[in-house]
PDB file of N, CA and C in Angstrom:
ATOM      1  N   UNK A   1      48.663 -70.438 -99.825  1.00  0.00           N
ATOM      2  CA  UNK A   1      47.936 -70.082-100.981  1.00  0.00           C
ATOM      3  C   UNK A   1      47.082 -68.732-100.513  1.00  0.00           C
ATOM      4  N   UNK A   2      47.367 -67.856-100.368  1.00  0.00           N
ATOM      5  CA  UNK A   2      45.970 -66.289-100.040  1.00  0.00           C
ATOM      6  C   UNK A   2      44.693 -66.688-100.394  1.00  0.00           C
ATOM      7  N   UNK A   3      43.673 -66.233 -99.453  1.00  0.00           N
ATOM      8  CA  UNK A   3      42.823 -66.678 -98.996  1.00  0.00           C
ATOM      9  C   UNK A   3      42.260 -65.391-100.437  1.00  0.00           C
ATOM     10  N   UNK A   4      41.452 -65.671-100.893  1.00  0.00           N
ATOM     11  CA  UNK A   4      40.895 -64.637-101.933  1.00  0.00           C
ATOM     12  C   UNK A   4      39.381 -64.301-101.429  1.00  0.00           C
ATOM     13  N   UNK A   5      39.391 -63.305-101.208  1.00  0.00           N
ATOM     14  CA  UNK A   5      38.155 -62.846-100.709  1.00  0.00           C
ATOM     15  C   UNK A   5      36.755 -62.815-101.648  1.00  0.00           C
ATOM     16  N   UNK A   6      36.063 -63.126-101.789  1.00  0.00           N
ATOM     17  CA  UNK A   6      34.455 -62.804-102.556  1.00  0.00           C
ATOM     18  C   UNK A   6      33.616 -61.955-101.945  1.00  0.00           C
ATOM     19  N   UNK A   7      32.954 -61.079-103.064  1.00  0.00           N
ATOM     20  CA  UNK A   7      32.443 -60.425-102.461  1.00  0.00           C
ATOM     21  C   UNK A   7      31.239 -60.863-101.659  1.00  0.00           C
ATOM     22  N   UNK A   8      30.797 -61.809-101.689  1.00  0.00           N
ATOM     23  CA  UNK A   8      29.892 -62.050-100.860  1.00  0.00           C
ATOM     24  C   UNK A   8      29.812 -63.192 -99.751  1.00  0.00           C
ATOM     25  N   UNK A   9      31.687 -63.105 -98.795  1.00  0.00           N
ATOM     26  CA  UNK A   9      31.494 -63.489 -97.978  1.00  0.00           C
ATOM     27  C   UNK A   9      31.076 -62.874 -96.987  1.00  0.00           C
ATOM     28  N   UNK A  10      30.697 -62.953 -95.988  1.00  0.00           N
ATOM     29  CA  UNK A  10      29.685 -62.404 -94.877  1.00  0.00           C
ATOM     30  C   UNK A  10      31.230 -62.679 -93.713  1.00  0.00           C
ATOM     31  N   UNK A  11      32.079 -63.550 -93.769  1.00  0.00           N
ATOM     32  CA  UNK A  11      32.941 -63.438 -92.647  1.00  0.00           C
ATOM     33  C   UNK A  11      34.010 -63.172 -92.784  1.00  0.00           C
ATOM     34  N   UNK A  12      34.114 -62.737 -94.013  1.00  0.00           N
ATOM     35  CA  UNK A  12      35.550 -61.806 -94.252  1.00  0.00           C
ATOM     36  C   UNK A  12      35.947 -61.008 -93.571  1.00  0.00           C
ATOM     37  N   UNK A  13      37.176 -61.444 -93.352  1.00  0.00           N
ATOM     38  CA  UNK A  13      38.012 -60.194 -92.314  1.00  0.00           C
ATOM     39  C   UNK A  13      37.723 -58.546 -92.806  1.00  0.00           C
ATOM     40  N   UNK A  14      37.298 -57.819 -92.505  1.00  0.00           N
ATOM     41  CA  UNK A  14      36.921 -56.335 -92.773  1.00  0.00           C
ATOM     42  C   UNK A  14      37.612 -55.345 -92.181  1.00  0.00           C
ATOM     43  N   UNK A  15      38.230 -54.535 -92.978  1.00  0.00           N
ATOM     44  CA  UNK A  15      39.186 -52.849 -92.399  1.00  0.00           C
ATOM     45  C   UNK A  15      38.084 -52.256 -90.840  1.00  0.00           C
ATOM     46  N   UNK A  16      38.862 -52.035 -90.065  1.00  0.00           N
ATOM     47  CA  UNK A  16      38.530 -52.052 -89.126  1.00  0.00           C
ATOM     48  C   UNK A  16      37.695 -49.960 -88.271  1.00  0.00           C
ATOM     49  N   UNK A  17      38.415 -49.894 -90.118  1.00  0.00           N
ATOM     50  CA  UNK A  17      38.449 -48.256 -90.073  1.00  0.00           C
ATOM     51  C   UNK A  17      36.439 -48.165 -91.115  1.00  0.00           C
ATOM     52  N   UNK A  18      36.518 -48.880 -92.362  1.00  0.00           N
ATOM     53  CA  UNK A  18      35.697 -48.561 -93.172  1.00  0.00           C
ATOM     54  C   UNK A  18      34.529 -48.977 -93.388  1.00  0.00           C
ATOM     55  N   UNK A  19      35.176 -50.846 -92.562  1.00  0.00           N
ATOM     56  CA  UNK A  19      34.406 -51.864 -92.806  1.00  0.00           C
ATOM     57  C   UNK A  19      34.318 -52.490 -93.756  1.00  0.00           C
ATOM     58  N   UNK A  20      35.271 -51.955 -95.059  1.00  0.00           N
ATOM     59  CA  UNK A  20      35.147 -52.476 -96.107  1.00  0.00           C
ATOM     60  C   UNK A  20      36.045 -54.039 -96.201  1.00  0.00           C
ATOM     61  N   UNK A  21      35.667 -54.948 -96.585  1.00  0.00           N
ATOM     62  CA  UNK A  21      36.544 -56.246 -96.575  1.00  0.00           C
ATOM     63  C   UNK A  21      37.518 -56.369 -97.457  1.00  0.00           C
ATOM     64  N   UNK A  22      38.333 -57.126 -96.354  1.00  0.00           N
ATOM     65  CA  UNK A  22      40.287 -56.547 -96.705  1.00  0.00           C
ATOM     66  C   UNK A  22      39.878 -57.537 -98.441  1.00  0.00           C
ATOM     67  N   UNK A  23      40.976 -57.341 -99.078  1.00  0.00           N
ATOM     68  CA  UNK A  23      41.551 -58.320-100.267  1.00  0.00           C
ATOM     69  C   UNK A  23      43.040 -59.387 -99.937  1.00  0.00           C
ATOM     70  N   UNK A  24      42.917 -59.640-101.354  1.00  0.00           N
ATOM     71  CA  UNK A  24      44.136 -60.891-100.446  1.00  0.00           C
ATOM     72  C   UNK A  24      45.544 -60.140-100.375  1.00  0.00           C
ATOM     73  N   UNK A  25      45.798 -59.253-100.831  1.00  0.00           N
ATOM     74  CA  UNK A  25      46.880 -58.567-100.410  1.00  0.00           C
ATOM     75  C   UNK A  25      47.617 -58.265 -98.782  1.00  0.00           C
ATOM     76  N   UNK A  26      46.040 -57.180 -98.553  1.00  0.00           N
ATOM     77  CA  UNK A  26      45.613 -56.478 -97.306  1.00  0.00           C
ATOM     78  C   UNK A  26      45.495 -57.846 -96.416  1.00  0.00           C
ATOM     79  N   UNK A  27      45.618 -58.945 -96.848  1.00  0.00           N
ATOM     80  CA  UNK A  27      45.171 -60.113 -95.250  1.00  0.00           C
ATOM     81  C   UNK A  27      46.750 -60.359 -94.956  1.00  0.00           C
ATOM     82  N   UNK A  28      47.667 -59.787 -95.798  1.00  0.00           N
ATOM     83  CA  UNK A  28      48.628 -60.869 -95.905  1.00  0.00           C
ATOM     84  C   UNK A  28      50.021 -59.513 -95.471  1.00  0.00           C
ATOM     85  N   UNK A  29      49.506 -58.196 -95.617  1.00  0.00           N
ATOM     86  CA  UNK A  29      50.391 -57.225 -95.117  1.00  0.00           C
ATOM     87  C   UNK A  29      50.003 -56.477 -94.385  1.00  0.00           C
ATOM     88  N   UNK A  30      50.746 -56.755 -93.298  1.00  0.00           N
ATOM     89  CA  UNK A  30      50.644 -55.851 -91.967  1.00  0.00           C
ATOM     90  C   UNK A  30      51.716 -54.517 -91.708  1.00  0.00           C
ATOM     91  N   UNK A  31      51.155 -53.665 -91.956  1.00  0.00           N
ATOM     92  CA  UNK A  31      50.718 -52.425 -91.910  1.00  0.00           C
ATOM     93  C   UNK A  31      52.182 -51.796 -91.094  1.00  0.00           C
ATOM     94  N   UNK A  32      51.428 -52.376 -89.835  1.00  0.00           N
ATOM     95  CA  UNK A  32      51.988 -51.748 -88.389  1.00  0.00           C
ATOM     96  C   UNK A  32      52.781 -52.641 -88.119  1.00  0.00           C
ATOM     97  N   UNK A  33      54.598 -52.737 -87.808  1.00  0.00           N
ATOM     98  CA  UNK A  33      55.415 -53.145 -87.866  1.00  0.00           C
ATOM     99  C   UNK A  33      55.386 -53.968 -85.232  1.00  0.00           C
ATOM    100  N   UNK A  34      54.745 -52.899 -84.611  1.00  0.00           N
ATOM    101  CA  UNK A  34      54.468 -52.636 -83.986  1.00  0.00           C
ATOM    102  C   UNK A  34      54.010 -53.975 -83.737  1.00  0.00           C
ATOM    103  N   UNK A  35      52.715 -53.870 -84.278  1.00  0.00           N
ATOM    104  CA  UNK A  35      51.904 -54.480 -83.598  1.00  0.00           C
ATOM    105  C   UNK A  35      51.305 -55.878 -84.826  1.00  0.00           C
ATOM    106  N   UNK A  36      51.118 -55.108 -85.733  1.00  0.00           N
ATOM    107  CA  UNK A  36      50.240 -55.915 -86.828  1.00  0.00           C
ATOM    108  C   UNK A  36      49.020 -55.285 -87.265  1.00  0.00           C
ATOM    109  N   UNK A  37      48.573 -54.822 -87.016  1.00  0.00           N
ATOM    110  CA  UNK A  37      47.317 -54.223 -87.147  1.00  0.00           C
ATOM    111  C   UNK A  37      46.935 -54.328 -88.149  1.00  0.00           C
ATOM    112  N   UNK A  38      45.958 -54.461 -89.368  1.00  0.00           N
ATOM    113  CA  UNK A  38      45.296 -54.755 -90.381  1.00  0.00           C
ATOM    114  C   UNK A  38      44.649 -53.618 -90.623  1.00  0.00           C
ATOM    115  N   UNK A  39      44.567 -52.714 -92.037  1.00  0.00           N
ATOM    116  CA  UNK A  39      43.429 -51.962 -92.695  1.00  0.00           C
ATOM    117  C   UNK A  39      43.786 -51.940 -93.937  1.00  0.00           C
ATOM    118  N   UNK A  40      42.830 -51.990 -94.501  1.00  0.00           N
ATOM    119  CA  UNK A  40      42.873 -51.458 -96.142  1.00  0.00           C
ATOM    120  C   UNK A  40      43.950 -50.463 -96.065  1.00  0.00           C
ATOM    121  N   UNK A  41      44.032 -50.855 -97.746  1.00  0.00           N
ATOM    122  CA  UNK A  41      45.432 -49.731 -98.140  1.00  0.00           C
ATOM    123  C   UNK A  41      44.507 -48.238 -98.303  1.00  0.00           C
ATOM    124  N   UNK A  42      43.900 -48.089 -98.964  1.00  0.00           N
ATOM    125  CA  UNK A  42      42.677 -46.723 -99.346  1.00  0.00           C
ATOM    126  C   UNK A  42      42.800 -46.036 -97.675  1.00  0.00           C
ATOM    127  N   UNK A  43      42.496 -46.703 -96.821  1.00  0.00           N
ATOM    128  CA  UNK A  43      42.185 -46.338 -95.163  1.00  0.00           C
ATOM    129  C   UNK A  43      43.864 -45.773 -94.765  1.00  0.00           C
ATOM    130  N   UNK A  44      45.037 -46.305 -95.083  1.00  0.00           N
ATOM    131  CA  UNK A  44      46.336 -46.396 -94.957  1.00  0.00           C
ATOM    132  C   UNK A  44      46.781 -44.969 -95.252  1.00  0.00           C
ATOM    133  N   UNK A  45      45.972 -44.621 -96.463  1.00  0.00           N
ATOM    134  CA  UNK A  45      46.433 -43.719 -97.410  1.00  0.00           C
ATOM    135  C   UNK A  45      45.659 -42.532 -96.736  1.00  0.00           C
ATOM    136  N   UNK A  46      44.437 -42.461 -96.418  1.00  0.00           N
ATOM    137  CA  UNK A  46      43.606 -41.435 -96.031  1.00  0.00           C
ATOM    138  C   UNK A  46      44.785 -41.231 -94.270  1.00  0.00           C
ATOM    139  N   UNK A  47      45.235 -41.701 -93.808  1.00  0.00           N
ATOM    140  CA  UNK A  47      45.324 -41.820 -92.263  1.00  0.00           C
ATOM    141  C   UNK A  47      46.662 -40.616 -92.606  1.00  0.00           C
ATOM    142  N   UNK A  48      47.613 -41.324 -93.834  1.00  0.00           N
ATOM    143  CA  UNK A  48      48.945 -40.261 -94.161  1.00  0.00           C
ATOM    144  C   UNK A  48      48.771 -39.327 -94.805  1.00  0.00           C
ATOM    145  N   UNK A  49      47.283 -38.658 -96.148  1.00  0.00           N
ATOM    146  CA  UNK A  49      47.290 -37.328 -95.912  1.00  0.00           C
ATOM    147  C   UNK A  49      46.317 -36.946 -95.380  1.00  0.00           C
ATOM    148  N   UNK A  50      46.067 -37.700 -93.415  1.00  0.00           N
ATOM    149  CA  UNK A  50      45.857 -35.931 -92.581  1.00  0.00           C
ATOM    150  C   UNK A  50      46.791 -35.901 -92.103  1.00  0.00           C
ATOM    151  N   UNK A  51      47.899 -37.117 -91.453  1.00  0.00           N
ATOM    152  CA  UNK A  51      48.986 -36.613 -91.274  1.00  0.00           C
ATOM    153  C   UNK A  51      49.458 -35.992 -91.512  1.00  0.00           C
ATOM    154  N   UNK A  52      49.931 -35.997 -92.838  1.00  0.00           N
ATOM    155  CA  UNK A  52      50.195 -34.673 -93.654  1.00  0.00           C
ATOM    156  C   UNK A  52      50.272 -33.334 -93.723  1.00  0.00           C
ATOM    157  N   UNK A  53      48.581 -33.783 -93.600  1.00  0.00           N
ATOM    158  CA  UNK A  53      47.937 -31.842 -93.460  1.00  0.00           C
ATOM    159  C   UNK A  53      47.772 -31.452 -92.366  1.00  0.00           C
ATOM    160  N   UNK A  54      48.192 -32.568 -91.369  1.00  0.00           N
ATOM    161  CA  UNK A  54      48.078 -31.348 -90.092  1.00  0.00           C
ATOM    162  C   UNK A  54      49.571 -31.268 -89.219  1.00  0.00           C
ATOM    163  N   UNK A  55      51.089 -32.180 -90.713  1.00  0.00           N
ATOM    164  CA  UNK A  55      52.069 -31.524 -90.532  1.00  0.00           C
ATOM    165  C   UNK A  55      52.615 -32.001 -89.247  1.00  0.00           C
ATOM    166  N   UNK A  56      52.514 -33.821 -89.186  1.00  0.00           N
ATOM    167  CA  UNK A  56      52.611 -34.033 -87.779  1.00  0.00           C
ATOM    168  C   UNK A  56      53.605 -35.518 -88.691  1.00  0.00           C
ATOM    169  N   UNK A  57      53.895 -35.074 -89.984  1.00  0.00           N
ATOM    170  CA  UNK A  57      54.598 -36.147 -90.735  1.00  0.00           C
ATOM    171  C   UNK A  57      53.651 -37.719 -91.164  1.00  0.00           C
ATOM    172  N   UNK A  58      54.964 -38.882 -90.394  1.00  0.00           N
ATOM    173  CA  UNK A  58      54.439 -39.925 -90.868  1.00  0.00           C
ATOM    174  C   UNK A  58      52.928 -40.160 -89.728  1.00  0.00           C
ATOM    175  N   UNK A  59      51.709 -41.291 -90.596  1.00  0.00           N
ATOM    176  CA  UNK A  59      50.595 -41.417 -89.526  1.00  0.00           C
ATOM    177  C   UNK A  59      50.668 -42.969 -88.497  1.00  0.00           C
ATOM    178  N   UNK A  60      50.215 -42.704 -88.099  1.00  0.00           N
ATOM    179  CA  UNK A  60      49.777 -43.605 -86.148  1.00  0.00           C
ATOM    180  C   UNK A  60      49.419 -44.659 -86.868  1.00  0.00           C
ATOM    181  N   UNK A  61      49.540 -46.020 -86.692  1.00  0.00           N
ATOM    182  CA  UNK A  61      48.766 -47.224 -86.432  1.00  0.00           C
ATOM    183  C   UNK A  61      47.469 -46.337 -85.507  1.00  0.00           C
ATOM    184  N   UNK A  62      45.992 -46.411 -86.028  1.00  0.00           N
ATOM    185  CA  UNK A  62      45.001 -46.397 -84.904  1.00  0.00           C
ATOM    186  C   UNK A  62      44.970 -48.056 -83.839  1.00  0.00           C
ATOM    187  N   UNK A  63      45.794 -48.923 -83.653  1.00  0.00           N
ATOM    188  CA  UNK A  63      45.665 -49.675 -82.741  1.00  0.00           C
ATOM    189  C   UNK A  63      46.474 -48.740 -81.585  1.00  0.00           C
ATOM    190  N   UNK A  64      47.667 -49.020 -82.039  1.00  0.00           N
ATOM    191  CA  UNK A  64      48.734 -48.880 -80.609  1.00  0.00           C
ATOM    192  C   UNK A  64      49.965 -47.282 -80.884  1.00  0.00           C
ATOM    193  N   UNK A  65      49.287 -46.506 -81.921  1.00  0.00           N
ATOM    194  CA  UNK A  65      49.481 -45.285 -82.187  1.00  0.00           C
ATOM    195  C   UNK A  65      50.842 -45.302 -82.659  1.00  0.00           C
ATOM    196  N   UNK A  66      51.782 -46.168 -82.687  1.00  0.00           N
ATOM    197  CA  UNK A  66      52.859 -46.404 -83.335  1.00  0.00           C
ATOM    198  C   UNK A  66      53.045 -45.605 -84.803  1.00  0.00           C
ATOM    199  N   UNK A  67      54.334 -45.244 -84.858  1.00  0.00           N
ATOM    200  CA  UNK A  67      53.669 -44.123 -86.097  1.00  0.00           C
ATOM    201  C   UNK A  67      55.054 -45.463 -87.250  1.00  0.00           C
ATOM    202  N   UNK A  68      53.251 -45.491 -88.234  1.00  0.00           N
ATOM    203  CA  UNK A  68      54.236 -46.094 -89.569  1.00  0.00           C
ATOM    204  C   UNK A  68      55.097 -46.350 -90.632  1.00  0.00           C
ATOM    205  N   UNK A  69      56.482 -46.447 -90.823  1.00  0.00           N
ATOM    206  CA  UNK A  69      57.267 -46.398 -91.277  1.00  0.00           C
ATOM    207  C   UNK A  69      57.101 -46.842 -92.783  1.00  0.00           C
ATOM    208  N   UNK A  70      57.281 -45.219 -93.246  1.00  0.00           N
ATOM    209  CA  UNK A  70      56.678 -44.951 -94.426  1.00  0.00           C
ATOM    210  C   UNK A  70      57.815 -46.271 -95.873  1.00  0.00           C
ATOM    211  N   UNK A  71      58.610 -46.336 -94.800  1.00  0.00           N
ATOM    212  CA  UNK A  71      60.106 -46.796 -96.309  1.00  0.00           C
ATOM    213  C   UNK A  71      59.221 -48.462 -96.002  1.00  0.00           C
ATOM    214  N   UNK A  72      59.639 -48.723 -94.965  1.00  0.00           N
ATOM    215  CA  UNK A  72      59.134 -50.762 -94.982  1.00  0.00           C
ATOM    216  C   UNK A  72      57.696 -50.390 -95.514  1.00  0.00           C
ATOM    217  N   UNK A  73      56.479 -49.797 -95.236  1.00  0.00           N
ATOM    218  CA  UNK A  73      55.372 -49.766 -95.387  1.00  0.00           C
ATOM    219  C   UNK A  73      55.639 -50.125 -97.277  1.00  0.00           C
ATOM    220  N   UNK A  74      56.452 -49.313 -98.131  1.00  0.00           N
ATOM    221  CA  UNK A  74      56.988 -49.418 -99.450  1.00  0.00           C
ATOM    222  C   UNK A  74      57.187 -50.044-100.227  1.00  0.00           C
ATOM    223  N   UNK A  75      58.106 -51.056 -99.254  1.00  0.00           N
ATOM    224  CA  UNK A  75      59.095 -51.891 -99.874  1.00  0.00           C
ATOM    225  C   UNK A  75      58.591 -52.951 -99.512  1.00  0.00           C
ATOM    226  N   UNK A  76      57.214 -53.261 -98.515  1.00  0.00           N
ATOM    227  CA  UNK A  76      56.670 -54.943 -98.092  1.00  0.00           C
ATOM    228  C   UNK A  76      56.772 -55.274 -99.235  1.00  0.00           C
ATOM    229  N   UNK A  77      56.299 -56.814 -99.816  1.00  0.00           N
ATOM    230  CA  UNK A  77      56.287 -57.803-100.362  1.00  0.00           C
ATOM    231  C   UNK A  77      54.894 -58.808 -99.702  1.00  0.00           C
ATOM    232  N   UNK A  78      54.380 -59.130-100.888  1.00  0.00           N
ATOM    233  CA  UNK A  78      53.215 -59.838-100.174  1.00  0.00           C
ATOM    234  C   UNK A  78      53.995 -61.252-100.369  1.00  0.00           C
ATOM    235  N   UNK A  79      54.033 -62.366 -99.577  1.00  0.00           N
ATOM    236  CA  UNK A  79      54.541 -63.683 -99.612  1.00  0.00           C
ATOM    237  C   UNK A  79      53.160 -64.579-100.299  1.00  0.00           C
ATOM    238  N   UNK A  80      53.095 -64.766-101.836  1.00  0.00           N
ATOM    239  CA  UNK A  80      51.897 -65.687-102.330  1.00  0.00           C
ATOM    240  C   UNK A  80      51.963 -66.695-101.230  1.00  0.00           C
ATOM    241  N   UNK A  81      52.586 -66.898-100.246  1.00  0.00           N
ATOM    242  CA  UNK A  81      52.379 -68.383-100.288  1.00  0.00           C
ATOM    243  C   UNK A  81      51.658 -68.077 -98.778  1.00  0.00           C
ATOM    244  N   UNK A  82      51.724 -67.303 -98.421  1.00  0.00           N
ATOM    245  CA  UNK A  82      50.542 -67.153 -97.763  1.00  0.00           C
ATOM    246  C   UNK A  82      48.925 -67.375 -97.631  1.00  0.00           C
TER     247      UNK A  82
END
């Protein structure tokens, strides 16, 4: 079962880019297929917007620098049993 993150939970994992707590969906969703780096969906979207503005295509993982597969991310589902 996913761990629901309360606002007052100081030990909740946070997005390494914006430091906001990761919600239950973000905790179980690995956006990077290569290294499993977790970040919030807001920062993921911002990375994609920045990459598109620079004409570089897909955004890159801040951890391993591999390109995100937008089709894989868009088709990702969260397993509620995790």
